[in-house]
Amino acid sequence: MADPMRIRAAVAGDEVTVRVLMSHPMEPGTRKDASGNTIPAHFIQDVEATHNGKSVLKAMFSGSVSQNPFLSFKFKGGAKGDKVAVKWVDNKGDTRTDEATIA
């Protein structure tokens, strides 16, 4: 299983800024190893962020995204103490969900 995501969420005025660092190899499937064999693709495909259970972001990634991707976004309507959860699903069916409390 992948390492936990580092999620920071902070409110300023009426906007919440969320910063997420995901731990994932993000292998595109086009590179070759030292023996000349193609390294199989292994990358995050879908990302969804929720605020108190309501979706605030949906994104689709591909093999062109770098290893350990960083994602930053803003949304309105959050308050200190609310929960923000981020979930990803990769092309091998692995998933990871982590959450943070808005500061």
PDB file of N, CA and C in Angstrom:
ATOM      1  N   MET A   1       0.835  -1.187   0.000  1.00  0.00           N
ATOM      2  CA  MET A   1       0.000   0.000   0.000  1.00  0.00           C
ATOM      3  C   MET A   1       0.875   1.245   0.000  1.00  0.00           C
ATOM      4  N   ALA A   2       0.399   2.283  -0.619  1.00  0.00           N
ATOM      5  CA  ALA A   2       1.154   3.531  -0.752  1.00  0.00           C
ATOM      6  C   ALA A   2       1.252   4.249   0.594  1.00  0.00           C
ATOM      7  N   ASP A   3       2.255   5.103   0.688  1.00  0.00           N
ATOM      8  CA  ASP A   3       2.422   5.930   1.876  1.00  0.00           C
ATOM      9  C   ASP A   3       1.265   6.904   1.979  1.00  0.00           C
ATOM     10  N   PRO A   4       0.967   7.376   3.200  1.00  0.00           N
ATOM     11  CA  PRO A   4      -0.123   8.341   3.351  1.00  0.00           C
ATOM     12  C   PRO A   4       0.141   9.623   2.573  1.00  0.00           C
ATOM     13  N   MET A   5      -0.939  10.244   2.121  1.00  0.00           N
ATOM     14  CA  MET A   5      -0.831  11.541   1.477  1.00  0.00           C
ATOM     15  C   MET A   5      -0.610  12.595   2.550  1.00  0.00           C
ATOM     16  N   ARG A   6       0.113  13.635   2.196  1.00  0.00           N
ATOM     17  CA  ARG A   6       0.254  14.780   3.085  1.00  0.00           C
ATOM     18  C   ARG A   6      -0.760  15.809   2.622  1.00  0.00           C
ATOM     19  N   ILE A   7      -1.723  16.086   3.468  1.00  0.00           N
ATOM     20  CA  ILE A   7      -2.804  17.007   3.115  1.00  0.00           C
ATOM     21  C   ILE A   7      -2.803  18.164   4.104  1.00  0.00           C
ATOM     22  N   ARG A   8      -2.803  19.363   3.577  1.00  0.00           N
ATOM     23  CA  ARG A   8      -2.920  20.579   4.392  1.00  0.00           C
ATOM     24  C   ARG A   8      -4.102  21.367   3.851  1.00  0.00           C
ATOM     25  N   ALA A   9      -4.968  21.804   4.747  1.00  0.00           N
ATOM     26  CA  ALA A   9      -6.130  22.594   4.353  1.00  0.00           C
ATOM     27  C   ALA A   9      -6.238  23.774   5.319  1.00  0.00           C
ATOM     28  N   ALA A  10      -6.348  24.971   4.752  1.00  0.00           N
ATOM     29  CA  ALA A  10      -6.430  26.173   5.581  1.00  0.00           C
ATOM     30  C   ALA A  10      -7.467  27.119   4.995  1.00  0.00           C
ATOM     31  N   VAL A  11      -8.242  27.731   5.876  1.00  0.00           N
ATOM     32  CA  VAL A  11      -9.254  28.679   5.437  1.00  0.00           C
ATOM     33  C   VAL A  11      -8.705  30.096   5.562  1.00  0.00           C
ATOM     34  N   ALA A  12      -9.019  30.917   4.558  1.00  0.00           N
ATOM     35  CA  ALA A  12      -8.665  32.343   4.568  1.00  0.00           C
ATOM     36  C   ALA A  12      -9.843  33.075   3.943  1.00  0.00           C
ATOM     37  N   GLY A  13     -10.542  33.849   4.744  1.00  0.00           N
ATOM     38  CA  GLY A  13     -11.751  34.515   4.249  1.00  0.00           C
ATOM     39  C   GLY A  13     -12.827  33.471   4.011  1.00  0.00           C
ATOM     40  N   ASP A  14     -13.335  33.424   2.762  1.00  0.00           N
ATOM     41  CA  ASP A  14     -14.375  32.431   2.450  1.00  0.00           C
ATOM     42  C   ASP A  14     -13.833  31.285   1.596  1.00  0.00           C
ATOM     43  N   GLU A  15     -12.495  31.230   1.414  1.00  0.00           N
ATOM     44  CA  GLU A  15     -11.897  30.182   0.595  1.00  0.00           C
ATOM     45  C   GLU A  15     -11.024  29.250   1.423  1.00  0.00           C
ATOM     46  N   VAL A  16     -11.084  27.980   1.072  1.00  0.00           N
ATOM     47  CA  VAL A  16     -10.215  26.984   1.677  1.00  0.00           C
ATOM     48  C   VAL A  16      -9.183  26.594   0.627  1.00  0.00           C
ATOM     49  N   THR A  17      -7.916  26.640   0.992  1.00  0.00           N
ATOM     50  CA  THR A  17      -6.846  26.189   0.114  1.00  0.00           C
ATOM     51  C   THR A  17      -6.387  24.824   0.600  1.00  0.00           C
ATOM     52  N   VAL A  18      -6.380  23.875  -0.320  1.00  0.00           N
ATOM     53  CA  VAL A  18      -5.972  22.510   0.001  1.00  0.00           C
ATOM     54  C   VAL A  18      -4.710  22.200  -0.791  1.00  0.00           C
ATOM     55  N   ARG A  19      -3.722  21.637  -0.113  1.00  0.00           N
ATOM     56  CA  ARG A  19      -2.471  21.208  -0.753  1.00  0.00           C
ATOM     57  C   ARG A  19      -2.279  19.734  -0.440  1.00  0.00           C
ATOM     58  N   VAL A  20      -2.024  18.954  -1.485  1.00  0.00           N
ATOM     59  CA  VAL A  20      -1.912  17.498  -1.329  1.00  0.00           C
ATOM     60  C   VAL A  20      -0.627  17.015  -1.987  1.00  0.00           C
ATOM     61  N   LEU A  21       0.155  16.244  -1.258  1.00  0.00           N
ATOM     62  CA  LEU A  21       1.324  15.574  -1.810  1.00  0.00           C
ATOM     63  C   LEU A  21       1.037  14.078  -1.763  1.00  0.00           C
ATOM     64  N   MET A  22       0.921  13.469  -2.949  1.00  0.00           N
ATOM     65  CA  MET A  22       0.595  12.050  -3.066  1.00  0.00           C
ATOM     66  C   MET A  22       1.872  11.253  -3.290  1.00  0.00           C
ATOM     67  N   SER A  23       1.991  10.127  -2.631  1.00  0.00           N
ATOM     68  CA  SER A  23       3.148   9.257  -2.811  1.00  0.00           C
ATOM     69  C   SER A  23       2.770   8.150  -3.794  1.00  0.00           C
ATOM     70  N   HIS A  24       3.351   8.198  -4.995  1.00  0.00           N
ATOM     71  CA  HIS A  24       3.035   7.201  -6.028  1.00  0.00           C
ATOM     72  C   HIS A  24       4.140   7.208  -7.077  1.00  0.00           C
ATOM     73  N   PRO A  25       4.529   6.036  -7.607  1.00  0.00           N
ATOM     74  CA  PRO A  25       5.623   5.990  -8.590  1.00  0.00           C
ATOM     75  C   PRO A  25       5.294   6.639  -9.933  1.00  0.00           C
ATOM     76  N   MET A  26       4.034   6.665 -10.334  1.00  0.00           N
ATOM     77  CA  MET A  26       3.591   7.310 -11.574  1.00  0.00           C
ATOM     78  C   MET A  26       4.444   6.889 -12.773  1.00  0.00           C
ATOM     79  N   GLU A  27       4.511   5.607 -13.021  1.00  0.00           N
ATOM     80  CA  GLU A  27       5.283   5.060 -14.142  1.00  0.00           C
ATOM     81  C   GLU A  27       4.430   5.107 -15.408  1.00  0.00           C
ATOM     82  N   PRO A  28       4.899   5.764 -16.488  1.00  0.00           N
ATOM     83  CA  PRO A  28       4.067   5.943 -17.684  1.00  0.00           C
ATOM     84  C   PRO A  28       3.916   4.709 -18.569  1.00  0.00           C
ATOM     85  N   GLY A  29       4.808   3.733 -18.423  1.00  0.00           N
ATOM     86  CA  GLY A  29       4.722   2.544 -19.261  1.00  0.00           C
ATOM     87  C   GLY A  29       5.483   2.665 -20.569  1.00  0.00           C
ATOM     88  N   THR A  30       6.276   3.697 -20.714  1.00  0.00           N
ATOM     89  CA  THR A  30       7.049   3.904 -21.945  1.00  0.00           C
ATOM     90  C   THR A  30       8.552   3.791 -21.715  1.00  0.00           C
ATOM     91  N   ARG A  31       8.961   3.757 -20.449  1.00  0.00           N
ATOM     92  CA  ARG A  31      10.386   3.672 -20.145  1.00  0.00           C
ATOM     93  C   ARG A  31      10.849   2.218 -20.159  1.00  0.00           C
ATOM     94  N   LYS A  32      12.159   2.032 -20.306  1.00  0.00           N
ATOM     95  CA  LYS A  32      12.745   0.691 -20.304  1.00  0.00           C
ATOM     96  C   LYS A  32      13.724   0.568 -19.145  1.00  0.00           C
ATOM     97  N   ASP A  33      13.828  -0.657 -18.617  1.00  0.00           N
ATOM     98  CA  ASP A  33      14.797  -0.901 -17.545  1.00  0.00           C
ATOM     99  C   ASP A  33      16.184  -1.155 -18.144  1.00  0.00           C
ATOM    100  N   ALA A  34      17.161  -1.480 -17.306  1.00  0.00           N
ATOM    101  CA  ALA A  34      18.539  -1.677 -17.753  1.00  0.00           C
ATOM    102  C   ALA A  34      18.676  -2.820 -18.758  1.00  0.00           C
ATOM    103  N   SER A  35      17.756  -3.783 -18.716  1.00  0.00           N
ATOM    104  CA  SER A  35      17.790  -4.922 -19.636  1.00  0.00           C
ATOM    105  C   SER A  35      17.071  -4.636 -20.946  1.00  0.00           C
ATOM    106  N   GLY A  36      16.470  -3.477 -21.063  1.00  0.00           N
ATOM    107  CA  GLY A  36      15.745  -3.119 -22.276  1.00  0.00           C
ATOM    108  C   GLY A  36      14.284  -3.519 -22.269  1.00  0.00           C
ATOM    109  N   ASN A  37      13.797  -4.036 -21.143  1.00  0.00           N
ATOM    110  CA  ASN A  37      12.382  -4.416 -21.021  1.00  0.00           C
ATOM    111  C   ASN A  37      11.546  -3.199 -20.636  1.00  0.00           C
ATOM    112  N   THR A  38      10.356  -3.108 -21.210  1.00  0.00           N
ATOM    113  CA  THR A  38       9.462  -1.998 -20.892  1.00  0.00           C
ATOM    114  C   THR A  38       8.955  -2.136 -19.461  1.00  0.00           C
ATOM    115  N   ILE A  39       9.032  -1.043 -18.709  1.00  0.00           N
ATOM    116  CA  ILE A  39       8.512  -1.018 -17.340  1.00  0.00           C
ATOM    117  C   ILE A  39       7.000  -0.825 -17.445  1.00  0.00           C
ATOM    118  N   PRO A  40       6.197  -1.712 -16.823  1.00  0.00           N
ATOM    119  CA  PRO A  40       4.735  -1.600 -16.945  1.00  0.00           C
ATOM    120  C   PRO A  40       4.191  -0.280 -16.392  1.00  0.00           C
ATOM    121  N   ALA A  41       3.134   0.204 -17.019  1.00  0.00           N
ATOM    122  CA  ALA A  41       2.478   1.437 -16.566  1.00  0.00           C
ATOM    123  C   ALA A  41       1.887   1.240 -15.180  1.00  0.00           C
ATOM    124  N   HIS A  42       2.035   2.253 -14.341  1.00  0.00           N
ATOM    125  CA  HIS A  42       1.454   2.249 -12.997  1.00  0.00           C
ATOM    126  C   HIS A  42       1.310   3.708 -12.574  1.00  0.00           C
ATOM    127  N   PHE A  43       0.091   4.245 -12.732  1.00  0.00           N
ATOM    128  CA  PHE A  43      -0.122   5.661 -12.456  1.00  0.00           C
ATOM    129  C   PHE A  43      -1.525   5.908 -11.913  1.00  0.00           C
ATOM    130  N   ILE A  44      -1.672   7.015 -11.209  1.00  0.00           N
ATOM    131  CA  ILE A  44      -2.973   7.439 -10.685  1.00  0.00           C
ATOM    132  C   ILE A  44      -3.846   7.854 -11.860  1.00  0.00           C
ATOM    133  N   GLN A  45      -5.108   7.385 -11.857  1.00  0.00           N
ATOM    134  CA  GLN A  45      -6.039   7.754 -12.918  1.00  0.00           C
ATOM    135  C   GLN A  45      -7.081   8.755 -12.445  1.00  0.00           C
ATOM    136  N   ASP A  46      -7.672   8.512 -11.293  1.00  0.00           N
ATOM    137  CA  ASP A  46      -8.768   9.354 -10.812  1.00  0.00           C
ATOM    138  C   ASP A  46      -8.459   9.882  -9.418  1.00  0.00           C
ATOM    139  N   VAL A  47      -8.775  11.150  -9.209  1.00  0.00           N
ATOM    140  CA  VAL A  47      -8.615  11.796  -7.910  1.00  0.00           C
ATOM    141  C   VAL A  47      -9.931  12.489  -7.583  1.00  0.00           C
ATOM    142  N   GLU A  48     -10.387  12.325  -6.349  1.00  0.00           N
ATOM    143  CA  GLU A  48     -11.584  13.041  -5.912  1.00  0.00           C
ATOM    144  C   GLU A  48     -11.347  13.586  -4.516  1.00  0.00           C
ATOM    145  N   ALA A  49     -11.719  14.850  -4.317  1.00  0.00           N
ATOM    146  CA  ALA A  49     -11.641  15.479  -3.005  1.00  0.00           C
ATOM    147  C   ALA A  49     -13.056  15.805  -2.551  1.00  0.00           C
ATOM    148  N   THR A  50     -13.310  15.545  -1.266  1.00  0.00           N
ATOM    149  CA  THR A  50     -14.630  15.834  -0.708  1.00  0.00           C
ATOM    150  C   THR A  50     -14.484  16.707   0.531  1.00  0.00           C
ATOM    151  N   HIS A  51     -15.487  17.524   0.744  1.00  0.00           N
ATOM    152  CA  HIS A  51     -15.578  18.371   1.934  1.00  0.00           C
ATOM    153  C   HIS A  51     -16.849  17.962   2.654  1.00  0.00           C
ATOM    154  N   ASN A  52     -16.692  17.409   3.841  1.00  0.00           N
ATOM    155  CA  ASN A  52     -17.832  16.889   4.607  1.00  0.00           C
ATOM    156  C   ASN A  52     -18.722  15.981   3.754  1.00  0.00           C
ATOM    157  N   GLY A  53     -18.108  15.137   2.933  1.00  0.00           N
ATOM    158  CA  GLY A  53     -18.837  14.172   2.121  1.00  0.00           C
ATOM    159  C   GLY A  53     -19.308  14.676   0.766  1.00  0.00           C
ATOM    160  N   LYS A  54     -19.180  15.975   0.496  1.00  0.00           N
ATOM    161  CA  LYS A  54     -19.615  16.551  -0.783  1.00  0.00           C
ATOM    162  C   LYS A  54     -18.399  16.759  -1.683  1.00  0.00           C
ATOM    163  N   SER A  55     -18.486  16.314  -2.927  1.00  0.00           N
ATOM    164  CA  SER A  55     -17.370  16.420  -3.860  1.00  0.00           C
ATOM    165  C   SER A  55     -17.063  17.880  -4.187  1.00  0.00           C
ATOM    166  N   VAL A  56     -15.778  18.261  -4.047  1.00  0.00           N
ATOM    167  CA  VAL A  56     -15.353  19.616  -4.389  1.00  0.00           C
ATOM    168  C   VAL A  56     -14.323  19.617  -5.512  1.00  0.00           C
ATOM    169  N   LEU A  57     -13.798  18.421  -5.878  1.00  0.00           N
ATOM    170  CA  LEU A  57     -12.827  18.330  -6.963  1.00  0.00           C
ATOM    171  C   LEU A  57     -12.825  16.912  -7.517  1.00  0.00           C
ATOM    172  N   LYS A  58     -12.851  16.812  -8.832  1.00  0.00           N
ATOM    173  CA  LYS A  58     -12.645  15.537  -9.518  1.00  0.00           C
ATOM    174  C   LYS A  58     -11.613  15.794 -10.598  1.00  0.00           C
ATOM    175  N   ALA A  59     -10.608  14.914 -10.669  1.00  0.00           N
ATOM    176  CA  ALA A  59      -9.543  15.085 -11.654  1.00  0.00           C
ATOM    177  C   ALA A  59      -9.163  13.733 -12.238  1.00  0.00           C
ATOM    178  N   MET A  60      -8.695  13.762 -13.487  1.00  0.00           N
ATOM    179  CA  MET A  60      -8.206  12.560 -14.144  1.00  0.00           C
ATOM    180  C   MET A  60      -6.731  12.792 -14.464  1.00  0.00           C
ATOM    181  N   PHE A  61      -5.881  11.891 -13.985  1.00  0.00           N
ATOM    182  CA  PHE A  61      -4.452  11.964 -14.253  1.00  0.00           C
ATOM    183  C   PHE A  61      -4.102  10.936 -15.323  1.00  0.00           C
ATOM    184  N   SER A  62      -2.867  11.000 -15.804  1.00  0.00           N
ATOM    185  CA  SER A  62      -2.369  10.021 -16.772  1.00  0.00           C
ATOM    186  C   SER A  62      -0.912   9.723 -16.432  1.00  0.00           C
ATOM    187  N   GLY A  63      -0.283   8.915 -17.263  1.00  0.00           N
ATOM    188  CA  GLY A  63       1.110   8.579 -17.058  1.00  0.00           C
ATOM    189  C   GLY A  63       2.053   9.746 -17.266  1.00  0.00           C
ATOM    190  N   SER A  64       1.544  10.855 -17.771  1.00  0.00           N
ATOM    191  CA  SER A  64       2.405  12.021 -18.011  1.00  0.00           C
ATOM    192  C   SER A  64       2.609  12.874 -16.760  1.00  0.00           C
ATOM    193  N   VAL A  65       1.948  12.531 -15.662  1.00  0.00           N
ATOM    194  CA  VAL A  65       2.111  13.266 -14.405  1.00  0.00           C
ATOM    195  C   VAL A  65       3.331  12.704 -13.670  1.00  0.00           C
ATOM    196  N   SER A  66       4.124  13.575 -13.078  1.00  0.00           N
ATOM    197  CA  SER A  66       5.381  13.165 -12.442  1.00  0.00           C
ATOM    198  C   SER A  66       5.162  12.321 -11.190  1.00  0.00           C
ATOM    199  N   GLN A  67       6.237  11.653 -10.795  1.00  0.00           N
ATOM    200  CA  GLN A  67       6.239  10.841  -9.586  1.00  0.00           C
ATOM    201  C   GLN A  67       5.891  11.709  -8.378  1.00  0.00           C
ATOM    202  N   ASN A  68       5.173  11.137  -7.413  1.00  0.00           N
ATOM    203  CA  ASN A  68       4.760  11.837  -6.198  1.00  0.00           C
ATOM    204  C   ASN A  68       4.091  13.180  -6.515  1.00  0.00           C
ATOM    205  N   PRO A  69       2.948  13.134  -7.211  1.00  0.00           N
ATOM    206  CA  PRO A  69       2.319  14.381  -7.657  1.00  0.00           C
ATOM    207  C   PRO A  69       1.864  15.293  -6.517  1.00  0.00           C
ATOM    208  N   PHE A  70       1.950  16.587  -6.786  1.00  0.00           N
ATOM    209  CA  PHE A  70       1.471  17.624  -5.882  1.00  0.00           C
ATOM    210  C   PHE A  70       0.246  18.261  -6.510  1.00  0.00           C
ATOM    211  N   LEU A  71      -0.801  18.455  -5.721  1.00  0.00           N
ATOM    212  CA  LEU A  71      -2.041  19.048  -6.201  1.00  0.00           C
ATOM    213  C   LEU A  71      -2.455  20.137  -5.223  1.00  0.00           C
ATOM    214  N   SER A  72      -2.817  21.300  -5.751  1.00  0.00           N
ATOM    215  CA  SER A  72      -3.309  22.400  -4.930  1.00  0.00           C
ATOM    216  C   SER A  72      -4.580  22.938  -5.560  1.00  0.00           C
ATOM    217  N   PHE A  73      -5.599  23.173  -4.739  1.00  0.00           N
ATOM    218  CA  PHE A  73      -6.857  23.713  -5.244  1.00  0.00           C
ATOM    219  C   PHE A  73      -7.549  24.494  -4.143  1.00  0.00           C
ATOM    220  N   LYS A  74      -8.553  25.287  -4.544  1.00  0.00           N
ATOM    221  CA  LYS A  74      -9.335  26.087  -3.602  1.00  0.00           C
ATOM    222  C   LYS A  74     -10.808  25.805  -3.800  1.00  0.00           C
ATOM    223  N   PHE A  75     -11.563  25.941  -2.724  1.00  0.00           N
ATOM    224  CA  PHE A  75     -13.019  25.862  -2.813  1.00  0.00           C
ATOM    225  C   PHE A  75     -13.628  26.762  -1.751  1.00  0.00           C
ATOM    226  N   LYS A  76     -14.889  27.090  -1.933  1.00  0.00           N
ATOM    227  CA  LYS A  76     -15.589  27.969  -0.992  1.00  0.00           C
ATOM    228  C   LYS A  76     -16.559  27.149  -0.150  1.00  0.00           C
ATOM    229  N   GLY A  77     -16.828  27.645   1.052  1.00  0.00           N
ATOM    230  CA  GLY A  77     -17.835  27.025   1.898  1.00  0.00           C
ATOM    231  C   GLY A  77     -17.284  26.210   3.044  1.00  0.00           C
ATOM    232  N   GLY A  78     -15.985  26.125   3.184  1.00  0.00           N
ATOM    233  CA  GLY A  78     -15.396  25.363   4.279  1.00  0.00           C
ATOM    234  C   GLY A  78     -15.181  26.224   5.507  1.00  0.00           C
ATOM    235  N   ALA A  79     -15.073  25.565   6.662  1.00  0.00           N
ATOM    236  CA  ALA A  79     -14.832  26.266   7.918  1.00  0.00           C
ATOM    237  C   ALA A  79     -13.814  25.488   8.735  1.00  0.00           C
ATOM    238  N   LYS A  80     -13.167  26.183   9.668  1.00  0.00           N
ATOM    239  CA  LYS A  80     -12.205  25.515  10.539  1.00  0.00           C
ATOM    240  C   LYS A  80     -12.876  24.333  11.222  1.00  0.00           C
ATOM    241  N   GLY A  81     -12.152  23.215  11.261  1.00  0.00           N
ATOM    242  CA  GLY A  81     -12.671  22.016  11.904  1.00  0.00           C
ATOM    243  C   GLY A  81     -13.375  21.058  10.960  1.00  0.00           C
ATOM    244  N   ASP A  82     -13.758  21.525   9.767  1.00  0.00           N
ATOM    245  CA  ASP A  82     -14.374  20.638   8.776  1.00  0.00           C
ATOM    246  C   ASP A  82     -13.335  19.650   8.246  1.00  0.00           C
ATOM    247  N   LYS A  83     -13.820  18.548   7.696  1.00  0.00           N
ATOM    248  CA  LYS A  83     -12.949  17.516   7.141  1.00  0.00           C
ATOM    249  C   LYS A  83     -12.863  17.618   5.621  1.00  0.00           C
ATOM    250  N   VAL A  84     -11.646  17.419   5.104  1.00  0.00           N
ATOM    251  CA  VAL A  84     -11.409  17.324   3.668  1.00  0.00           C
ATOM    252  C   VAL A  84     -10.754  15.962   3.431  1.00  0.00           C
ATOM    253  N   ALA A  85     -11.348  15.168   2.543  1.00  0.00           N
ATOM    254  CA  ALA A  85     -10.793  13.849   2.223  1.00  0.00           C
ATOM    255  C   ALA A  85     -10.375  13.825   0.762  1.00  0.00           C
ATOM    256  N   VAL A  86      -9.270  13.145   0.485  1.00  0.00           N
ATOM    257  CA  VAL A  86      -8.773  12.989  -0.878  1.00  0.00           C
ATOM    258  C   VAL A  86      -8.601  11.495  -1.132  1.00  0.00           C
ATOM    259  N   LYS A  87      -9.128  11.050  -2.284  1.00  0.00           N
ATOM    260  CA  LYS A  87      -9.034   9.638  -2.660  1.00  0.00           C
ATOM    261  C   LYS A  87      -8.489   9.547  -4.077  1.00  0.00           C
ATOM    262  N   TRP A  88      -7.566   8.602  -4.299  1.00  0.00           N
ATOM    263  CA  TRP A  88      -7.113   8.335  -5.654  1.00  0.00           C
ATOM    264  C   TRP A  88      -7.262   6.857  -5.973  1.00  0.00           C
ATOM    265  N   VAL A  89      -7.393   6.579  -7.282  1.00  0.00           N
ATOM    266  CA  VAL A  89      -7.461   5.207  -7.801  1.00  0.00           C
ATOM    267  C   VAL A  89      -6.458   5.136  -8.945  1.00  0.00           C
ATOM    268  N   ASP A  90      -5.596   4.095  -8.938  1.00  0.00           N
ATOM    269  CA  ASP A  90      -4.629   3.994 -10.031  1.00  0.00           C
ATOM    270  C   ASP A  90      -5.059   2.953 -11.055  1.00  0.00           C
ATOM    271  N   ASN A  91      -4.270   2.821 -12.123  1.00  0.00           N
ATOM    272  CA  ASN A  91      -4.638   1.945 -13.236  1.00  0.00           C
ATOM    273  C   ASN A  91      -4.529   0.463 -12.888  1.00  0.00           C
ATOM    274  N   LYS A  92      -4.008   0.125 -11.712  1.00  0.00           N
ATOM    275  CA  LYS A  92      -3.954  -1.269 -11.263  1.00  0.00           C
ATOM    276  C   LYS A  92      -5.050  -1.571 -10.253  1.00  0.00           C
ATOM    277  N   GLY A  93      -5.901  -0.584  -9.984  1.00  0.00           N
ATOM    278  CA  GLY A  93      -7.009  -0.780  -9.060  1.00  0.00           C
ATOM    279  C   GLY A  93      -6.685  -0.465  -7.613  1.00  0.00           C
ATOM    280  N   ASP A  94      -5.455  -0.058  -7.324  1.00  0.00           N
ATOM    281  CA  ASP A  94      -5.092   0.323  -5.965  1.00  0.00           C
ATOM    282  C   ASP A  94      -5.747   1.658  -5.633  1.00  0.00           C
ATOM    283  N   THR A  95      -6.108   1.838  -4.368  1.00  0.00           N
ATOM    284  CA  THR A  95      -6.726   3.090  -3.936  1.00  0.00           C
ATOM    285  C   THR A  95      -6.058   3.566  -2.665  1.00  0.00           C
ATOM    286  N   ARG A  96      -6.213   4.844  -2.405  1.00  0.00           N
ATOM    287  CA  ARG A  96      -5.720   5.443  -1.187  1.00  0.00           C
ATOM    288  C   ARG A  96      -6.653   6.591  -0.831  1.00  0.00           C
ATOM    289  N   THR A  97      -7.061   6.662   0.437  1.00  0.00           N
ATOM    290  CA  THR A  97      -7.899   7.758   0.911  1.00  0.00           C
ATOM    291  C   THR A  97      -7.293   8.285   2.213  1.00  0.00           C
ATOM    292  N   ASP A  98      -7.127   9.584   2.282  1.00  0.00           N
ATOM    293  CA  ASP A  98      -6.653  10.226   3.510  1.00  0.00           C
ATOM    294  C   ASP A  98      -7.467  11.486   3.717  1.00  0.00           C
ATOM    295  N   GLU A  99      -7.484  11.968   4.979  1.00  0.00           N
ATOM    296  CA  GLU A  99      -8.239  13.184   5.246  1.00  0.00           C
ATOM    297  C   GLU A  99      -7.472  14.110   6.172  1.00  0.00           C
ATOM    298  N   ALA A 100      -7.891  15.354   6.154  1.00  0.00           N
ATOM    299  CA  ALA A 100      -7.292  16.369   7.011  1.00  0.00           C
ATOM    300  C   ALA A 100      -8.389  17.278   7.543  1.00  0.00           C
ATOM    301  N   THR A 101      -8.088  17.944   8.617  1.00  0.00           N
ATOM    302  CA  THR A 101      -9.014  18.909   9.196  1.00  0.00           C
ATOM    303  C   THR A 101      -8.591  20.311   8.773  1.00  0.00           C
ATOM    304  N   ILE A 102      -9.558  21.105   8.361  1.00  0.00           N
ATOM    305  CA  ILE A 102      -9.272  22.480   7.936  1.00  0.00           C
ATOM    306  C   ILE A 102      -8.814  23.303   9.127  1.00  0.00           C
ATOM    307  N   ALA A 103      -7.689  23.966   8.963  1.00  0.00           N
ATOM    308  CA  ALA A 103      -7.140  24.803  10.047  1.00  0.00           C
ATOM    309  C   ALA A 103      -7.503  26.256   9.821  1.00  0.00           C
TER     310      ALA A 103
END
